[in-house]
N, C-alpha and C. Protein backbone atom coordinates (compact mmCIF):
# COMPACT_ATOMS: atom_id res chain seq x y z
N MET A 1 -3.77 -12.53 -2.73
CA MET A 1 -4.26 -11.41 -3.52
C MET A 1 -3.18 -10.97 -4.49
N ASP A 2 -3.59 -10.70 -5.71
CA ASP A 2 -2.66 -10.19 -6.72
C ASP A 2 -2.71 -8.67 -6.68
N TYR A 3 -1.72 -8.07 -6.06
CA TYR A 3 -1.69 -6.63 -5.86
C TYR A 3 -1.14 -5.87 -7.07
N ARG A 4 -0.62 -6.58 -8.06
CA ARG A 4 0.09 -5.93 -9.16
C ARG A 4 -0.76 -4.97 -9.98
N ALA A 5 -2.06 -5.15 -10.01
CA ALA A 5 -2.93 -4.22 -10.75
C ALA A 5 -3.26 -2.99 -9.92
N ILE A 6 -2.95 -3.03 -8.63
CA ILE A 6 -3.32 -1.93 -7.73
C ILE A 6 -2.09 -1.10 -7.32
N ILE A 7 -1.00 -1.77 -7.01
CA ILE A 7 0.21 -1.08 -6.57
C ILE A 7 1.01 -0.67 -7.80
N THR A 8 1.28 0.64 -7.91
CA THR A 8 2.00 1.16 -9.07
C THR A 8 3.26 1.88 -8.61
N ILE A 9 4.26 1.87 -9.47
CA ILE A 9 5.51 2.57 -9.19
C ILE A 9 5.83 3.43 -10.40
N GLU A 10 5.92 4.74 -10.17
CA GLU A 10 6.27 5.69 -11.23
C GLU A 10 7.48 6.49 -10.75
N PRO A 11 8.56 6.50 -11.52
CA PRO A 11 9.78 7.16 -11.07
C PRO A 11 9.58 8.61 -10.63
N GLY A 12 8.72 9.37 -11.27
CA GLY A 12 8.56 10.78 -10.95
C GLY A 12 7.52 11.07 -9.87
N LYS A 13 6.88 10.05 -9.33
CA LYS A 13 5.82 10.27 -8.35
C LYS A 13 6.25 9.73 -7.00
N ARG A 14 6.19 10.60 -5.99
CA ARG A 14 6.54 10.24 -4.60
C ARG A 14 7.90 9.54 -4.52
N GLY A 15 8.82 10.00 -5.32
CA GLY A 15 10.18 9.47 -5.28
C GLY A 15 10.30 8.04 -5.76
N GLY A 16 9.34 7.59 -6.56
CA GLY A 16 9.38 6.22 -7.08
C GLY A 16 8.91 5.17 -6.10
N ARG A 17 8.32 5.62 -4.98
CA ARG A 17 7.82 4.65 -4.00
C ARG A 17 6.52 4.02 -4.49
N PRO A 18 6.22 2.81 -4.05
CA PRO A 18 4.98 2.14 -4.46
C PRO A 18 3.75 2.91 -3.98
N CYS A 19 2.84 3.17 -4.91
CA CYS A 19 1.62 3.93 -4.63
C CYS A 19 0.38 3.09 -4.92
N ILE A 20 -0.74 3.58 -4.46
CA ILE A 20 -2.03 2.93 -4.70
C ILE A 20 -2.64 3.51 -5.96
N ARG A 21 -2.89 2.68 -6.95
CA ARG A 21 -3.59 3.02 -8.19
C ARG A 21 -3.20 4.37 -8.79
N ASN A 22 -1.94 4.60 -8.94
CA ASN A 22 -1.42 5.83 -9.56
C ASN A 22 -1.75 7.09 -8.78
N MET A 23 -2.24 6.95 -7.56
CA MET A 23 -2.50 8.12 -6.72
C MET A 23 -1.20 8.49 -6.01
N ARG A 24 -1.25 9.53 -5.20
CA ARG A 24 -0.07 9.95 -4.45
C ARG A 24 -0.07 9.34 -3.05
N ILE A 25 -0.94 8.40 -2.80
CA ILE A 25 -0.98 7.69 -1.52
C ILE A 25 -0.08 6.46 -1.65
N THR A 26 0.94 6.39 -0.80
CA THR A 26 1.90 5.28 -0.91
C THR A 26 1.49 4.09 -0.04
N VAL A 27 2.09 2.96 -0.37
CA VAL A 27 1.92 1.77 0.45
C VAL A 27 2.38 2.08 1.87
N ALA A 28 3.48 2.80 2.01
CA ALA A 28 4.01 3.15 3.33
C ALA A 28 3.02 4.02 4.11
N ASP A 29 2.30 4.90 3.42
CA ASP A 29 1.27 5.71 4.09
C ASP A 29 0.23 4.80 4.72
N VAL A 30 -0.29 3.88 3.92
CA VAL A 30 -1.34 2.97 4.39
C VAL A 30 -0.83 2.11 5.55
N LEU A 31 0.36 1.56 5.40
CA LEU A 31 0.93 0.73 6.47
C LEU A 31 1.15 1.55 7.75
N GLY A 32 1.59 2.78 7.60
CA GLY A 32 1.80 3.65 8.75
C GLY A 32 0.51 3.95 9.48
N TRP A 33 -0.56 4.20 8.74
CA TRP A 33 -1.86 4.46 9.36
C TRP A 33 -2.34 3.24 10.13
N LEU A 34 -2.18 2.07 9.52
CA LEU A 34 -2.59 0.84 10.20
C LEU A 34 -1.74 0.61 11.46
N ALA A 35 -0.44 0.83 11.35
CA ALA A 35 0.46 0.64 12.49
C ALA A 35 0.15 1.63 13.61
N ALA A 36 -0.37 2.80 13.26
CA ALA A 36 -0.71 3.81 14.26
C ALA A 36 -2.04 3.51 14.95
N GLY A 37 -2.71 2.45 14.50
CA GLY A 37 -3.94 2.05 15.16
C GLY A 37 -5.21 2.38 14.42
N GLN A 38 -5.09 3.01 13.25
CA GLN A 38 -6.30 3.28 12.48
C GLN A 38 -6.85 1.96 11.92
N THR A 39 -8.15 1.84 11.89
CA THR A 39 -8.77 0.67 11.30
C THR A 39 -8.94 0.93 9.80
N PRO A 40 -9.13 -0.12 9.02
CA PRO A 40 -9.43 0.10 7.60
C PRO A 40 -10.64 1.04 7.42
N SER A 41 -11.64 0.92 8.27
CA SER A 41 -12.81 1.80 8.17
C SER A 41 -12.43 3.26 8.41
N ASP A 42 -11.53 3.50 9.38
CA ASP A 42 -11.04 4.87 9.63
C ASP A 42 -10.36 5.42 8.38
N ILE A 43 -9.50 4.62 7.79
CA ILE A 43 -8.74 5.06 6.61
C ILE A 43 -9.69 5.35 5.45
N LEU A 44 -10.65 4.47 5.23
CA LEU A 44 -11.60 4.67 4.13
C LEU A 44 -12.47 5.90 4.37
N SER A 45 -12.74 6.20 5.61
CA SER A 45 -13.51 7.39 5.94
C SER A 45 -12.69 8.66 5.66
N ASP A 46 -11.40 8.62 6.02
CA ASP A 46 -10.52 9.77 5.80
C ASP A 46 -10.13 9.94 4.33
N PHE A 47 -10.05 8.84 3.61
CA PHE A 47 -9.63 8.85 2.21
C PHE A 47 -10.64 8.07 1.36
N PRO A 48 -11.77 8.70 1.03
CA PRO A 48 -12.83 7.99 0.30
C PRO A 48 -12.42 7.50 -1.09
N GLU A 49 -11.31 7.99 -1.61
CA GLU A 49 -10.84 7.52 -2.91
C GLU A 49 -10.22 6.12 -2.82
N LEU A 50 -9.90 5.69 -1.60
CA LEU A 50 -9.37 4.34 -1.40
C LEU A 50 -10.50 3.33 -1.24
N THR A 51 -10.17 2.07 -1.48
CA THR A 51 -11.12 0.98 -1.28
C THR A 51 -10.52 -0.02 -0.31
N ASP A 52 -11.37 -0.89 0.20
CA ASP A 52 -10.88 -1.96 1.07
C ASP A 52 -9.85 -2.81 0.33
N GLN A 53 -10.07 -3.02 -0.95
CA GLN A 53 -9.14 -3.81 -1.76
C GLN A 53 -7.78 -3.11 -1.85
N ASP A 54 -7.77 -1.78 -1.90
CA ASP A 54 -6.50 -1.04 -1.92
C ASP A 54 -5.70 -1.31 -0.64
N ILE A 55 -6.38 -1.31 0.50
CA ILE A 55 -5.71 -1.55 1.78
C ILE A 55 -5.16 -2.97 1.83
N ARG A 56 -5.96 -3.93 1.37
CA ARG A 56 -5.47 -5.31 1.35
C ARG A 56 -4.31 -5.48 0.38
N ALA A 57 -4.33 -4.74 -0.73
CA ALA A 57 -3.22 -4.81 -1.69
C ALA A 57 -1.94 -4.26 -1.08
N ALA A 58 -2.05 -3.20 -0.30
CA ALA A 58 -0.87 -2.65 0.37
C ALA A 58 -0.28 -3.67 1.34
N LEU A 59 -1.14 -4.35 2.08
CA LEU A 59 -0.67 -5.38 3.00
C LEU A 59 -0.04 -6.55 2.25
N ALA A 60 -0.66 -6.96 1.16
CA ALA A 60 -0.14 -8.07 0.36
C ALA A 60 1.22 -7.71 -0.24
N TYR A 61 1.34 -6.48 -0.72
CA TYR A 61 2.61 -6.02 -1.28
C TYR A 61 3.71 -6.07 -0.22
N ALA A 62 3.40 -5.55 0.98
CA ALA A 62 4.39 -5.55 2.07
C ALA A 62 4.77 -6.97 2.47
N ALA A 63 3.80 -7.86 2.53
CA ALA A 63 4.08 -9.26 2.89
C ALA A 63 4.96 -9.92 1.83
N ASP A 64 4.66 -9.66 0.57
CA ASP A 64 5.45 -10.24 -0.51
C ASP A 64 6.88 -9.70 -0.48
N ARG A 65 7.01 -8.41 -0.25
CA ARG A 65 8.34 -7.82 -0.19
C ARG A 65 9.14 -8.39 0.98
N GLU A 66 8.48 -8.58 2.10
CA GLU A 66 9.15 -9.18 3.27
C GLU A 66 9.61 -10.60 2.96
N ARG A 67 8.76 -11.38 2.29
CA ARG A 67 9.14 -12.75 1.92
C ARG A 67 10.37 -12.75 1.02
N ARG A 68 10.40 -11.81 0.07
CA ARG A 68 11.54 -11.74 -0.83
C ARG A 68 12.82 -11.35 -0.11
N LEU A 69 12.73 -10.46 0.88
CA LEU A 69 13.91 -10.07 1.65
C LEU A 69 14.45 -11.24 2.47
N VAL A 70 13.56 -12.00 3.06
CA VAL A 70 13.98 -13.13 3.88
C VAL A 70 14.61 -14.23 3.02
N THR A 71 14.03 -14.47 1.86
CA THR A 71 14.57 -15.53 0.99
C THR A 71 15.91 -15.12 0.38
N ALA A 72 16.12 -13.84 0.20
CA ALA A 72 17.36 -13.38 -0.43
C ALA A 72 18.55 -13.45 0.53
N SER A 73 18.29 -13.51 1.81
CA SER A 73 19.41 -13.52 2.75
C SER A 73 19.90 -14.89 3.10
């Protein structure tokens, strides 16, 4: 998945952390909810402004970042 059209980084928003579609919901927020046991359906119910594609983009971004960290070491 190409997450680049969904994950945005703005220096003045949420401390420059990666966000979903210019909203104030960060990739870390989505990952934290998933790690806490929420299902994508739970998240979409709590945050109707998000889409299933947004959740997958957050996961893809995290996976890509992890790959880059491993390759850099």
